[in-house]
C-alpha cells in the first residue's frame, strides 16, 4: 500500500514539474532575439467583430510595430496615452502599428471582444486592436508582458524589443524615448541603440 502511495505521489510530482516546465509564462518564455526573423507571420489575428486578418499582410513598406496590450493592466493604463503619438510617428515614417491582445485567460471577462471595443473607443485608439487567439503569437515570439514592444523591418527581422520609454508613470518626465528613437532610426536605416530594453508590465494571461 505504501509503495502504491509513493508511486502515485511520484507521478503527481513529475506531472506538476512538467506543467511548470511548459507553462508559457515567466522565465520559461524565450523572447525573440534582435536580428532574428519573426516566426508565425501567417498567424491569423481576429478583429473584435470576428473577422480575421493575416499578420504578414499588415507589414508596411518601412516596417511593422506590434505592441502586446490589454484593457486593465496598470502599466498599459499608464502608457497608453502615448499610443496615438507612436501611431502617428509610425505613419509619418511609412510603418504600420497594431495592438495585440493575447490575454486568452481573460477573454470571457476584462479582455472580451466587446470590452476591447469599448476600451479602444474610450481611449480613441488609432491603431487596430486585434485578438491573438490562444496567445499563439505571444507564445511564438516570447512576449512576456503588457505592454511588450516588437518593431520589425520590412523583412520581418526584429530590430527593437522591450519597453516604450523609461517612464510609464508620466510621459512628460520621459528622458529616454526608446521606441520613438527606434522607429526614426529604422526609417532612416540607422543603428538602433539600445536595440532591446526590459519589458515592464503585467504578465500575459495565457490559458
N, C-alpha and C. Protein backbone atom coordinates (compact mmCIF):
# COMPACT_ATOMS: atom_id res chain seq x y z
N UNK A 1 0.83 -1.21 0.00
CA UNK A 1 0.00 0.00 0.00
C UNK A 1 0.86 1.26 0.00
N UNK A 2 1.94 1.21 0.88
CA UNK A 2 2.83 2.35 0.94
C UNK A 2 3.52 2.58 -0.40
N UNK A 3 3.90 1.47 -1.06
CA UNK A 3 4.56 1.58 -2.37
C UNK A 3 3.63 2.25 -3.38
N UNK A 4 2.34 1.91 -3.33
CA UNK A 4 1.37 2.50 -4.25
C UNK A 4 1.24 3.99 -3.99
N UNK A 5 1.17 4.37 -2.71
CA UNK A 5 1.06 5.78 -2.34
C UNK A 5 2.29 6.55 -2.82
N UNK A 6 3.49 5.97 -2.58
CA UNK A 6 4.72 6.63 -3.01
C UNK A 6 4.77 6.78 -4.53
N UNK A 7 4.29 5.73 -5.22
CA UNK A 7 4.30 5.75 -6.69
C UNK A 7 3.38 6.84 -7.21
N UNK A 8 2.17 6.94 -6.61
CA UNK A 8 1.22 7.97 -7.03
C UNK A 8 1.76 9.37 -6.73
N UNK A 9 2.41 9.52 -5.59
CA UNK A 9 2.99 10.82 -5.23
C UNK A 9 4.09 11.20 -6.20
N UNK A 10 4.90 10.22 -6.58
CA UNK A 10 5.99 10.48 -7.52
C UNK A 10 5.44 10.91 -8.88
N UNK A 11 4.40 10.21 -9.34
CA UNK A 11 3.77 10.57 -10.62
C UNK A 11 3.20 11.97 -10.56
N UNK A 12 2.58 12.31 -9.44
CA UNK A 12 1.99 13.64 -9.28
C UNK A 12 3.06 14.72 -9.33
N UNK A 13 4.19 14.46 -8.68
CA UNK A 13 5.30 15.44 -8.68
C UNK A 13 5.85 15.62 -10.08
N UNK A 14 6.02 14.53 -10.81
CA UNK A 14 6.53 14.61 -12.18
C UNK A 14 5.57 15.40 -13.06
N UNK A 15 4.27 15.13 -12.91
CA UNK A 15 3.27 15.83 -13.72
C UNK A 15 3.26 17.31 -13.40
N UNK A 16 3.37 17.64 -12.11
CA UNK A 16 3.37 19.04 -11.70
C UNK A 16 4.61 19.75 -12.22
N UNK A 17 5.77 19.07 -12.15
CA UNK A 17 7.02 19.63 -12.66
C UNK A 17 6.92 19.90 -14.14
N UNK A 18 6.35 18.94 -14.88
CA UNK A 18 6.20 19.12 -16.33
C UNK A 18 5.29 20.29 -16.64
N UNK A 19 4.23 20.42 -15.86
CA UNK A 19 3.29 21.51 -16.09
C UNK A 19 3.98 22.85 -15.94
N UNK A 20 4.83 22.99 -14.89
CA UNK A 20 5.53 24.25 -14.69
C UNK A 20 6.61 24.44 -15.74
N UNK A 21 7.24 23.36 -16.16
CA UNK A 21 8.29 23.45 -17.17
C UNK A 21 7.75 24.03 -18.47
N UNK A 22 6.54 23.64 -18.83
CA UNK A 22 5.98 24.06 -20.10
C UNK A 22 4.96 25.19 -19.96
N UNK A 23 4.82 25.70 -18.73
CA UNK A 23 3.94 26.85 -18.53
C UNK A 23 4.46 28.01 -19.36
N UNK A 24 3.65 28.60 -20.22
CA UNK A 24 4.14 29.62 -21.13
C UNK A 24 4.30 31.00 -20.52
N UNK A 25 4.27 31.10 -19.19
CA UNK A 25 4.53 32.38 -18.56
C UNK A 25 5.83 32.30 -17.76
N UNK A 26 6.35 33.48 -17.40
CA UNK A 26 7.53 33.51 -16.55
C UNK A 26 8.83 33.31 -17.32
N UNK A 27 9.83 32.79 -16.62
CA UNK A 27 11.16 32.69 -17.20
C UNK A 27 11.27 31.66 -18.32
N UNK A 28 10.26 30.77 -18.43
CA UNK A 28 10.30 29.75 -19.47
C UNK A 28 10.04 30.33 -20.86
N UNK A 29 9.51 31.55 -20.90
CA UNK A 29 9.22 32.18 -22.18
C UNK A 29 10.51 32.76 -22.75
N UNK A 30 10.92 32.28 -23.91
CA UNK A 30 12.13 32.78 -24.56
C UNK A 30 11.73 33.82 -25.61
N UNK A 31 12.15 35.04 -25.40
CA UNK A 31 11.77 36.14 -26.28
C UNK A 31 12.60 36.12 -27.56
N UNK A 32 11.96 36.41 -28.67
CA UNK A 32 12.63 36.50 -29.96
C UNK A 32 13.81 37.46 -29.86
N UNK A 33 14.94 37.07 -30.44
CA UNK A 33 16.15 37.87 -30.33
C UNK A 33 16.26 38.89 -31.44
N UNK A 34 16.93 39.99 -31.13
CA UNK A 34 17.19 41.03 -32.13
C UNK A 34 17.97 40.42 -33.30
N UNK A 35 17.55 40.77 -34.51
CA UNK A 35 18.21 40.25 -35.70
C UNK A 35 17.61 38.96 -36.23
N UNK A 36 16.67 38.39 -35.50
CA UNK A 36 16.02 37.15 -35.93
C UNK A 36 14.72 37.47 -36.68
N UNK A 37 14.39 36.60 -37.62
CA UNK A 37 13.16 36.77 -38.38
C UNK A 37 11.98 36.23 -37.59
N UNK A 38 10.90 36.98 -37.59
CA UNK A 38 9.71 36.59 -36.83
C UNK A 38 9.13 35.28 -37.34
N UNK A 39 8.87 34.33 -36.47
CA UNK A 39 8.15 33.12 -36.88
C UNK A 39 6.66 33.39 -36.90
N UNK A 40 5.93 32.47 -37.51
CA UNK A 40 4.46 32.51 -37.47
C UNK A 40 3.86 33.80 -38.03
N UNK A 41 4.44 34.33 -39.11
CA UNK A 41 3.87 35.56 -39.67
C UNK A 41 2.58 35.28 -40.45
N UNK A 42 2.24 34.01 -40.58
CA UNK A 42 0.96 33.65 -41.18
C UNK A 42 -0.15 33.54 -40.15
N UNK A 43 0.15 33.89 -38.91
CA UNK A 43 -0.86 33.84 -37.84
C UNK A 43 -2.06 34.70 -38.19
N UNK A 44 -3.24 34.16 -37.94
CA UNK A 44 -4.47 34.90 -38.17
C UNK A 44 -4.86 35.61 -36.88
N UNK A 45 -4.97 36.92 -36.95
CA UNK A 45 -5.42 37.71 -35.81
C UNK A 45 -6.87 38.11 -36.03
N UNK A 46 -7.63 38.15 -34.97
CA UNK A 46 -9.06 38.42 -35.09
C UNK A 46 -9.39 39.87 -34.75
N UNK A 47 -10.25 40.44 -35.55
CA UNK A 47 -10.83 41.72 -35.19
C UNK A 47 -11.92 41.44 -34.16
N UNK A 48 -12.33 42.46 -33.43
CA UNK A 48 -13.33 42.24 -32.39
C UNK A 48 -14.70 41.87 -32.95
N UNK A 49 -14.90 42.07 -34.25
CA UNK A 49 -16.17 41.68 -34.87
C UNK A 49 -16.13 40.26 -35.43
N UNK A 50 -15.02 39.56 -35.19
CA UNK A 50 -14.89 38.17 -35.62
C UNK A 50 -14.15 37.99 -36.93
N UNK A 51 -13.96 39.04 -37.69
CA UNK A 51 -13.20 38.94 -38.94
C UNK A 51 -11.73 38.64 -38.62
N UNK A 52 -11.05 38.02 -39.58
CA UNK A 52 -9.65 37.66 -39.37
C UNK A 52 -8.76 38.38 -40.37
N UNK A 53 -7.52 38.64 -39.94
CA UNK A 53 -6.53 39.25 -40.80
C UNK A 53 -5.20 38.54 -40.57
N UNK A 54 -4.46 38.26 -41.66
CA UNK A 54 -3.18 37.58 -41.53
C UNK A 54 -2.10 38.59 -41.17
N UNK A 55 -1.29 38.24 -40.20
CA UNK A 55 -0.26 39.15 -39.71
C UNK A 55 0.62 39.70 -40.82
N UNK A 56 1.10 38.85 -41.71
CA UNK A 56 2.07 39.30 -42.71
C UNK A 56 1.49 40.33 -43.68
N UNK A 57 0.17 40.36 -43.80
CA UNK A 57 -0.46 41.34 -44.69
C UNK A 57 -0.46 42.74 -44.09
N UNK A 58 -0.12 42.84 -42.82
CA UNK A 58 -0.12 44.13 -42.14
C UNK A 58 1.22 44.86 -42.25
N UNK A 59 2.23 44.17 -42.78
CA UNK A 59 3.54 44.79 -42.93
C UNK A 59 3.46 45.95 -43.91
N UNK A 60 4.06 47.08 -43.51
CA UNK A 60 4.11 48.26 -44.37
C UNK A 60 5.47 48.33 -45.06
N UNK A 61 5.66 49.34 -45.92
CA UNK A 61 6.89 49.38 -46.72
C UNK A 61 8.14 49.68 -45.90
N UNK A 62 7.97 50.26 -44.70
CA UNK A 62 9.14 50.56 -43.87
C UNK A 62 9.21 49.76 -42.58
N UNK A 63 8.13 49.03 -42.28
CA UNK A 63 8.19 48.22 -41.07
C UNK A 63 6.84 48.03 -40.41
N UNK A 64 6.85 47.27 -39.32
CA UNK A 64 5.63 46.99 -38.57
C UNK A 64 5.95 47.01 -37.07
N UNK A 65 5.14 47.74 -36.33
CA UNK A 65 5.25 47.78 -34.88
C UNK A 65 4.09 46.99 -34.27
N UNK A 66 4.43 46.05 -33.41
CA UNK A 66 3.43 45.26 -32.69
C UNK A 66 3.60 45.51 -31.20
N UNK A 67 2.54 45.96 -30.56
CA UNK A 67 2.57 46.14 -29.10
C UNK A 67 1.54 45.21 -28.48
N UNK A 68 2.02 44.27 -27.67
CA UNK A 68 1.11 43.40 -26.93
C UNK A 68 0.51 44.24 -25.81
N UNK A 69 -0.82 44.29 -25.77
CA UNK A 69 -1.51 45.18 -24.84
C UNK A 69 -2.72 44.49 -24.25
N UNK A 70 -3.49 45.22 -23.46
CA UNK A 70 -4.71 44.68 -22.87
C UNK A 70 -5.56 45.85 -22.38
N UNK A 71 -6.58 45.57 -21.59
CA UNK A 71 -7.50 46.61 -21.16
C UNK A 71 -7.25 47.16 -19.77
N UNK A 72 -6.71 46.34 -18.86
CA UNK A 72 -6.73 46.73 -17.45
C UNK A 72 -5.38 46.78 -16.75
N UNK A 73 -4.33 46.26 -17.33
CA UNK A 73 -3.03 46.27 -16.66
C UNK A 73 -2.63 47.71 -16.31
N UNK A 74 -2.24 47.98 -15.07
CA UNK A 74 -1.85 49.34 -14.69
C UNK A 74 -0.74 49.93 -15.54
N UNK A 75 0.16 49.08 -16.04
CA UNK A 75 1.25 49.58 -16.88
C UNK A 75 0.70 50.04 -18.24
N UNK A 76 -0.25 49.28 -18.77
CA UNK A 76 -0.88 49.69 -20.03
C UNK A 76 -1.65 50.99 -19.82
N UNK A 77 -2.42 51.04 -18.75
CA UNK A 77 -3.22 52.23 -18.46
C UNK A 77 -2.31 53.46 -18.34
N UNK A 78 -1.12 53.27 -17.77
CA UNK A 78 -0.19 54.38 -17.61
C UNK A 78 0.47 54.76 -18.93
N UNK A 79 0.72 53.78 -19.80
CA UNK A 79 1.47 54.02 -21.04
C UNK A 79 0.60 54.34 -22.24
N UNK A 80 -0.67 53.94 -22.22
CA UNK A 80 -1.45 54.01 -23.44
C UNK A 80 -1.79 55.44 -23.88
N UNK A 81 -1.52 56.43 -23.05
CA UNK A 81 -1.72 57.80 -23.50
C UNK A 81 -0.68 58.21 -24.54
N UNK A 82 0.29 57.31 -24.78
CA UNK A 82 1.32 57.54 -25.80
C UNK A 82 1.07 56.76 -27.09
N UNK A 83 0.10 55.87 -27.06
CA UNK A 83 -0.14 55.00 -28.22
C UNK A 83 -0.41 55.81 -29.50
N UNK A 84 -1.26 56.81 -29.41
CA UNK A 84 -1.61 57.55 -30.63
C UNK A 84 -0.43 58.37 -31.16
N UNK A 85 0.39 58.90 -30.27
CA UNK A 85 1.60 59.61 -30.71
C UNK A 85 2.55 58.66 -31.43
N UNK A 86 2.66 57.46 -30.90
CA UNK A 86 3.52 56.45 -31.53
C UNK A 86 2.95 56.05 -32.89
N UNK A 87 1.63 55.89 -32.95
CA UNK A 87 0.97 55.56 -34.22
C UNK A 87 1.24 56.64 -35.27
N UNK A 88 1.11 57.90 -34.87
CA UNK A 88 1.35 58.99 -35.81
C UNK A 88 2.80 58.99 -36.30
N UNK A 89 3.72 58.69 -35.40
CA UNK A 89 5.13 58.64 -35.80
C UNK A 89 5.38 57.49 -36.77
N UNK A 90 4.74 56.35 -36.51
CA UNK A 90 4.87 55.21 -37.42
C UNK A 90 4.37 55.60 -38.82
N UNK A 91 3.20 56.18 -38.88
CA UNK A 91 2.62 56.56 -40.17
C UNK A 91 3.49 57.57 -40.89
N UNK A 92 4.06 58.52 -40.16
CA UNK A 92 4.92 59.53 -40.77
C UNK A 92 6.20 58.93 -41.33
N UNK A 93 6.55 57.74 -40.82
CA UNK A 93 7.77 57.07 -41.28
C UNK A 93 7.49 55.82 -42.11
N UNK A 94 6.26 55.72 -42.63
CA UNK A 94 5.93 54.62 -43.54
C UNK A 94 5.77 53.27 -42.88
N UNK A 95 5.41 53.25 -41.61
CA UNK A 95 5.26 51.99 -40.88
C UNK A 95 3.82 51.80 -40.43
N UNK A 96 3.48 50.56 -40.14
CA UNK A 96 2.17 50.22 -39.59
C UNK A 96 2.34 49.88 -38.11
N UNK A 97 1.29 50.10 -37.35
CA UNK A 97 1.30 49.76 -35.92
C UNK A 97 0.00 49.05 -35.57
N UNK A 98 0.12 47.97 -34.80
CA UNK A 98 -1.06 47.28 -34.31
C UNK A 98 -0.90 46.99 -32.82
N UNK A 99 -2.02 46.88 -32.15
CA UNK A 99 -2.07 46.46 -30.75
C UNK A 99 -2.66 45.06 -30.73
N UNK A 100 -2.03 44.18 -29.97
CA UNK A 100 -2.45 42.77 -29.94
C UNK A 100 -2.77 42.37 -28.51
N UNK A 101 -3.95 41.82 -28.32
CA UNK A 101 -4.38 41.35 -27.01
C UNK A 101 -4.28 39.83 -26.96
N UNK A 102 -3.34 39.33 -26.14
CA UNK A 102 -3.11 37.88 -26.04
C UNK A 102 -3.59 37.29 -24.73
N UNK A 103 -4.38 38.04 -23.97
CA UNK A 103 -4.87 37.57 -22.68
C UNK A 103 -5.99 36.55 -22.83
N UNK A 104 -5.64 35.38 -23.33
CA UNK A 104 -6.64 34.33 -23.62
C UNK A 104 -7.41 33.90 -22.37
N UNK A 105 -6.76 33.95 -21.21
CA UNK A 105 -7.42 33.51 -19.99
C UNK A 105 -8.46 34.51 -19.48
N UNK A 106 -8.47 35.70 -20.07
CA UNK A 106 -9.43 36.73 -19.64
C UNK A 106 -10.39 37.10 -20.78
N UNK A 107 -10.47 36.21 -21.78
CA UNK A 107 -11.28 36.51 -22.96
C UNK A 107 -12.78 36.57 -22.66
N UNK A 108 -13.19 35.94 -21.59
CA UNK A 108 -14.61 36.00 -21.22
C UNK A 108 -14.88 37.09 -20.20
N UNK A 109 -13.85 37.86 -19.86
CA UNK A 109 -14.02 38.89 -18.85
C UNK A 109 -13.48 40.24 -19.30
N UNK A 110 -12.42 40.71 -18.62
CA UNK A 110 -11.88 42.04 -18.88
C UNK A 110 -11.39 42.25 -20.30
N UNK A 111 -10.96 41.16 -20.95
CA UNK A 111 -10.42 41.27 -22.30
C UNK A 111 -11.30 40.59 -23.35
N UNK A 112 -12.59 40.59 -23.10
CA UNK A 112 -13.55 40.09 -24.09
C UNK A 112 -13.59 41.06 -25.27
N UNK A 113 -13.97 40.59 -26.45
CA UNK A 113 -14.01 41.45 -27.63
C UNK A 113 -14.82 42.74 -27.44
N UNK A 114 -15.99 42.64 -26.79
CA UNK A 114 -16.79 43.86 -26.60
C UNK A 114 -16.11 44.81 -25.62
N UNK A 115 -15.40 44.26 -24.63
CA UNK A 115 -14.66 45.10 -23.69
C UNK A 115 -13.49 45.78 -24.40
N UNK A 116 -12.87 45.06 -25.34
CA UNK A 116 -11.79 45.66 -26.13
C UNK A 116 -12.32 46.81 -26.97
N UNK A 117 -13.47 46.60 -27.59
CA UNK A 117 -14.10 47.65 -28.40
C UNK A 117 -14.36 48.92 -27.58
N UNK A 118 -14.94 48.71 -26.41
CA UNK A 118 -15.27 49.84 -25.55
C UNK A 118 -14.01 50.56 -25.08
N UNK A 119 -12.99 49.79 -24.75
CA UNK A 119 -11.74 50.38 -24.28
C UNK A 119 -11.07 51.18 -25.39
N UNK A 120 -11.00 50.61 -26.58
CA UNK A 120 -10.37 51.30 -27.71
C UNK A 120 -11.12 52.57 -28.06
N UNK A 121 -12.45 52.51 -27.99
CA UNK A 121 -13.27 53.68 -28.29
C UNK A 121 -13.08 54.77 -27.23
N UNK A 122 -13.03 54.37 -25.99
CA UNK A 122 -12.85 55.32 -24.88
C UNK A 122 -11.53 56.05 -24.99
N UNK A 123 -10.47 55.32 -25.36
CA UNK A 123 -9.14 55.91 -25.45
C UNK A 123 -8.86 56.51 -26.82
N UNK A 124 -9.75 56.27 -27.78
CA UNK A 124 -9.55 56.81 -29.11
C UNK A 124 -8.36 56.20 -29.84
N UNK A 125 -8.17 54.90 -29.67
CA UNK A 125 -7.05 54.23 -30.35
C UNK A 125 -7.10 54.47 -31.86
N UNK A 126 -5.98 54.83 -32.42
CA UNK A 126 -5.86 54.94 -33.88
C UNK A 126 -5.39 53.61 -34.48
N UNK A 127 -4.61 52.87 -33.75
CA UNK A 127 -4.09 51.58 -34.21
C UNK A 127 -5.17 50.51 -34.09
N UNK A 128 -5.13 49.53 -34.97
CA UNK A 128 -6.05 48.38 -34.88
C UNK A 128 -5.74 47.59 -33.61
N UNK A 129 -6.79 47.16 -32.93
CA UNK A 129 -6.68 46.41 -31.68
C UNK A 129 -7.18 45.00 -31.97
N UNK A 130 -6.27 44.03 -32.00
CA UNK A 130 -6.57 42.70 -32.51
C UNK A 130 -6.41 41.61 -31.45
N UNK A 131 -7.12 40.52 -31.66
CA UNK A 131 -7.12 39.39 -30.73
C UNK A 131 -6.17 38.30 -31.20
N UNK A 132 -5.29 37.87 -30.31
CA UNK A 132 -4.38 36.76 -30.54
C UNK A 132 -4.99 35.52 -29.90
N UNK A 133 -5.73 34.77 -30.69
CA UNK A 133 -6.47 33.61 -30.19
C UNK A 133 -5.52 32.58 -29.60
N UNK A 134 -5.77 32.21 -28.35
CA UNK A 134 -4.96 31.19 -27.70
C UNK A 134 -3.54 31.64 -27.39
N UNK A 135 -3.28 32.93 -27.48
CA UNK A 135 -1.95 33.50 -27.22
C UNK A 135 -0.88 32.93 -28.14
N UNK A 136 -1.28 32.47 -29.32
CA UNK A 136 -0.33 31.78 -30.20
C UNK A 136 0.81 32.68 -30.67
N UNK A 137 0.50 33.94 -31.01
CA UNK A 137 1.55 34.85 -31.46
C UNK A 137 2.47 35.22 -30.29
N UNK A 138 1.88 35.49 -29.14
CA UNK A 138 2.68 35.80 -27.96
C UNK A 138 3.61 34.64 -27.61
N UNK A 139 3.13 33.43 -27.75
CA UNK A 139 3.96 32.27 -27.45
C UNK A 139 5.10 32.11 -28.46
N UNK A 140 4.81 32.33 -29.73
CA UNK A 140 5.84 32.12 -30.75
C UNK A 140 6.93 33.17 -30.69
N UNK A 141 6.59 34.37 -30.24
CA UNK A 141 7.60 35.44 -30.14
C UNK A 141 8.17 35.57 -28.73
N UNK A 142 7.56 34.89 -27.78
CA UNK A 142 8.03 35.01 -26.40
C UNK A 142 7.67 36.33 -25.77
N UNK A 143 6.51 36.88 -26.13
CA UNK A 143 6.04 38.11 -25.48
C UNK A 143 5.71 37.80 -24.03
N UNK A 144 6.14 38.67 -23.13
CA UNK A 144 6.00 38.40 -21.71
C UNK A 144 4.96 39.27 -21.02
N UNK A 145 4.87 40.52 -21.41
CA UNK A 145 4.12 41.47 -20.62
C UNK A 145 3.16 42.31 -21.46
N UNK A 146 2.31 43.04 -20.75
CA UNK A 146 1.51 44.09 -21.38
C UNK A 146 1.89 45.39 -20.71
N UNK A 147 2.50 46.32 -21.47
CA UNK A 147 2.84 46.18 -22.89
C UNK A 147 4.19 45.48 -23.10
N UNK A 148 4.38 44.95 -24.31
CA UNK A 148 5.68 44.43 -24.76
C UNK A 148 5.78 44.78 -26.24
N UNK A 149 6.85 45.49 -26.59
CA UNK A 149 7.01 46.07 -27.92
C UNK A 149 7.91 45.22 -28.81
N UNK A 150 7.48 45.03 -30.08
CA UNK A 150 8.28 44.35 -31.09
C UNK A 150 8.24 45.20 -32.37
N UNK A 151 9.39 45.70 -32.80
CA UNK A 151 9.48 46.52 -34.01
C UNK A 151 10.27 45.77 -35.07
N UNK A 152 9.63 45.56 -36.23
CA UNK A 152 10.24 44.78 -37.31
C UNK A 152 10.51 45.64 -38.53
N UNK A 153 11.57 45.26 -39.26
CA UNK A 153 11.82 45.89 -40.56
C UNK A 153 10.94 45.21 -41.61
N UNK A 154 10.95 45.67 -42.86
CA UNK A 154 10.04 45.10 -43.87
C UNK A 154 10.24 43.62 -44.15
N UNK A 155 11.39 43.06 -43.77
CA UNK A 155 11.64 41.62 -43.96
C UNK A 155 11.24 40.81 -42.72
N UNK A 156 10.54 41.45 -41.80
CA UNK A 156 10.10 40.84 -40.55
C UNK A 156 11.27 40.43 -39.66
N UNK A 157 12.37 41.17 -39.76
CA UNK A 157 13.51 40.96 -38.87
C UNK A 157 13.34 41.91 -37.68
N UNK A 158 13.48 41.37 -36.48
CA UNK A 158 13.28 42.16 -35.28
C UNK A 158 14.42 43.15 -35.08
N UNK A 159 14.07 44.42 -34.96
CA UNK A 159 15.07 45.48 -34.82
C UNK A 159 15.03 46.15 -33.45
N UNK A 160 13.88 46.14 -32.78
CA UNK A 160 13.80 46.66 -31.41
C UNK A 160 12.77 45.86 -30.64
N UNK A 161 13.06 45.66 -29.35
CA UNK A 161 12.15 44.88 -28.49
C UNK A 161 12.26 45.38 -27.06
N UNK A 162 11.12 45.50 -26.38
CA UNK A 162 11.15 45.86 -24.97
C UNK A 162 10.10 46.87 -24.57
N UNK A 163 10.56 47.96 -23.97
CA UNK A 163 9.66 48.98 -23.40
C UNK A 163 9.43 50.14 -24.37
N UNK A 164 8.41 50.94 -24.07
CA UNK A 164 8.09 52.12 -24.86
C UNK A 164 9.07 53.25 -24.56
N UNK A 165 9.26 53.52 -23.26
CA UNK A 165 10.21 54.56 -22.85
C UNK A 165 10.61 54.27 -21.41
N UNK A 166 11.27 55.23 -20.75
CA UNK A 166 11.81 54.96 -19.42
C UNK A 166 10.94 55.51 -18.28
N UNK A 167 9.70 55.93 -18.58
CA UNK A 167 8.85 56.44 -17.51
C UNK A 167 7.38 56.19 -17.84
N UNK A 168 6.86 55.07 -17.36
CA UNK A 168 5.46 54.76 -17.66
C UNK A 168 4.50 55.63 -16.86
N UNK A 169 4.98 56.20 -15.76
CA UNK A 169 4.10 56.96 -14.88
C UNK A 169 3.72 58.33 -15.44
N UNK A 170 4.66 58.96 -16.14
CA UNK A 170 4.43 60.33 -16.60
C UNK A 170 5.18 60.58 -17.90
N UNK A 171 4.45 60.76 -19.00
CA UNK A 171 5.10 60.96 -20.29
C UNK A 171 5.87 62.27 -20.37
N UNK A 172 5.52 63.22 -19.52
CA UNK A 172 6.23 64.50 -19.51
C UNK A 172 7.58 64.41 -18.81
N UNK A 173 7.83 63.29 -18.13
CA UNK A 173 9.09 63.11 -17.44
C UNK A 173 9.96 62.03 -18.07
N UNK A 174 9.63 61.65 -19.29
CA UNK A 174 10.42 60.66 -20.01
C UNK A 174 11.77 61.27 -20.41
N UNK A 175 12.84 60.54 -20.18
CA UNK A 175 14.16 61.01 -20.59
C UNK A 175 14.74 60.16 -21.72
N UNK A 176 14.22 58.93 -21.88
CA UNK A 176 14.70 58.04 -22.93
C UNK A 176 13.52 57.53 -23.76
N UNK A 177 13.38 58.03 -24.98
CA UNK A 177 12.30 57.62 -25.88
C UNK A 177 12.76 56.40 -26.69
N UNK A 178 12.83 55.25 -26.02
CA UNK A 178 13.37 54.06 -26.66
C UNK A 178 12.67 53.73 -27.98
N UNK A 179 11.36 53.62 -27.93
CA UNK A 179 10.62 53.17 -29.10
C UNK A 179 10.59 54.23 -30.19
N UNK A 180 10.31 55.46 -29.84
CA UNK A 180 10.24 56.51 -30.86
C UNK A 180 11.60 56.68 -31.56
N UNK A 181 12.67 56.60 -30.79
CA UNK A 181 14.00 56.68 -31.40
C UNK A 181 14.25 55.50 -32.33
N UNK A 182 13.79 54.32 -31.91
CA UNK A 182 13.96 53.12 -32.73
C UNK A 182 13.20 53.25 -34.05
N UNK A 183 11.98 53.78 -33.98
CA UNK A 183 11.17 53.97 -35.19
C UNK A 183 11.87 54.91 -36.17
N UNK A 184 12.35 56.03 -35.67
CA UNK A 184 13.01 57.01 -36.53
C UNK A 184 14.31 56.47 -37.11
N UNK A 185 15.08 55.77 -36.30
CA UNK A 185 16.34 55.21 -36.79
C UNK A 185 16.11 54.10 -37.81
N UNK A 186 15.09 53.27 -37.57
CA UNK A 186 14.78 52.21 -38.54
C UNK A 186 14.40 52.81 -39.88
N UNK A 187 13.58 53.86 -39.84
CA UNK A 187 13.15 54.51 -41.08
C UNK A 187 14.32 55.12 -41.84
N UNK A 188 15.33 55.59 -41.11
CA UNK A 188 16.49 56.23 -41.73
C UNK A 188 17.63 55.25 -42.04
N UNK A 189 17.42 53.98 -41.67
CA UNK A 189 18.44 52.98 -41.91
C UNK A 189 19.62 53.08 -40.96
N UNK A 190 19.40 53.70 -39.81
CA UNK A 190 20.46 53.87 -38.82
C UNK A 190 20.40 52.78 -37.76
N UNK A 191 21.51 52.60 -37.07
CA UNK A 191 21.56 51.62 -36.00
C UNK A 191 20.65 52.04 -34.85
N UNK A 192 20.02 51.06 -34.23
CA UNK A 192 19.14 51.32 -33.09
C UNK A 192 19.88 50.96 -31.81
N UNK A 193 19.99 51.94 -30.93
CA UNK A 193 20.73 51.73 -29.69
C UNK A 193 20.04 52.49 -28.54
N UNK A 194 19.52 51.76 -27.55
CA UNK A 194 19.58 50.31 -27.38
C UNK A 194 18.57 49.60 -28.28
N UNK A 195 18.92 48.39 -28.68
CA UNK A 195 18.03 47.61 -29.54
C UNK A 195 17.03 46.81 -28.73
N UNK A 196 17.31 46.62 -27.46
CA UNK A 196 16.31 45.98 -26.61
C UNK A 196 16.44 46.53 -25.19
N UNK A 197 15.29 46.63 -24.54
CA UNK A 197 15.20 47.10 -23.16
C UNK A 197 14.30 46.13 -22.40
N UNK A 198 14.26 46.29 -21.09
CA UNK A 198 13.43 45.39 -20.28
C UNK A 198 11.96 45.75 -20.44
N UNK A 199 11.16 44.76 -20.81
CA UNK A 199 9.72 44.96 -20.92
C UNK A 199 9.10 44.93 -19.53
N UNK A 200 8.44 46.02 -19.17
CA UNK A 200 7.79 46.12 -17.86
C UNK A 200 6.29 46.05 -18.03
N UNK A 201 5.61 45.33 -17.15
CA UNK A 201 4.16 45.26 -17.25
C UNK A 201 3.61 44.05 -16.54
N UNK A 202 2.34 43.79 -16.77
CA UNK A 202 1.67 42.62 -16.22
C UNK A 202 1.94 41.41 -17.12
N UNK A 203 1.99 40.24 -16.54
CA UNK A 203 2.22 39.04 -17.35
C UNK A 203 1.04 38.82 -18.28
N UNK A 204 1.32 38.32 -19.48
CA UNK A 204 0.25 37.96 -20.41
C UNK A 204 -0.51 36.77 -19.83
N UNK A 205 -1.82 36.87 -19.81
CA UNK A 205 -2.65 35.85 -19.16
C UNK A 205 -2.99 34.73 -20.14
N UNK A 206 -2.10 33.77 -20.20
CA UNK A 206 -2.27 32.62 -21.08
C UNK A 206 -3.16 31.56 -20.41
N UNK A 207 -3.72 30.69 -21.22
CA UNK A 207 -4.52 29.60 -20.68
C UNK A 207 -3.59 28.45 -20.32
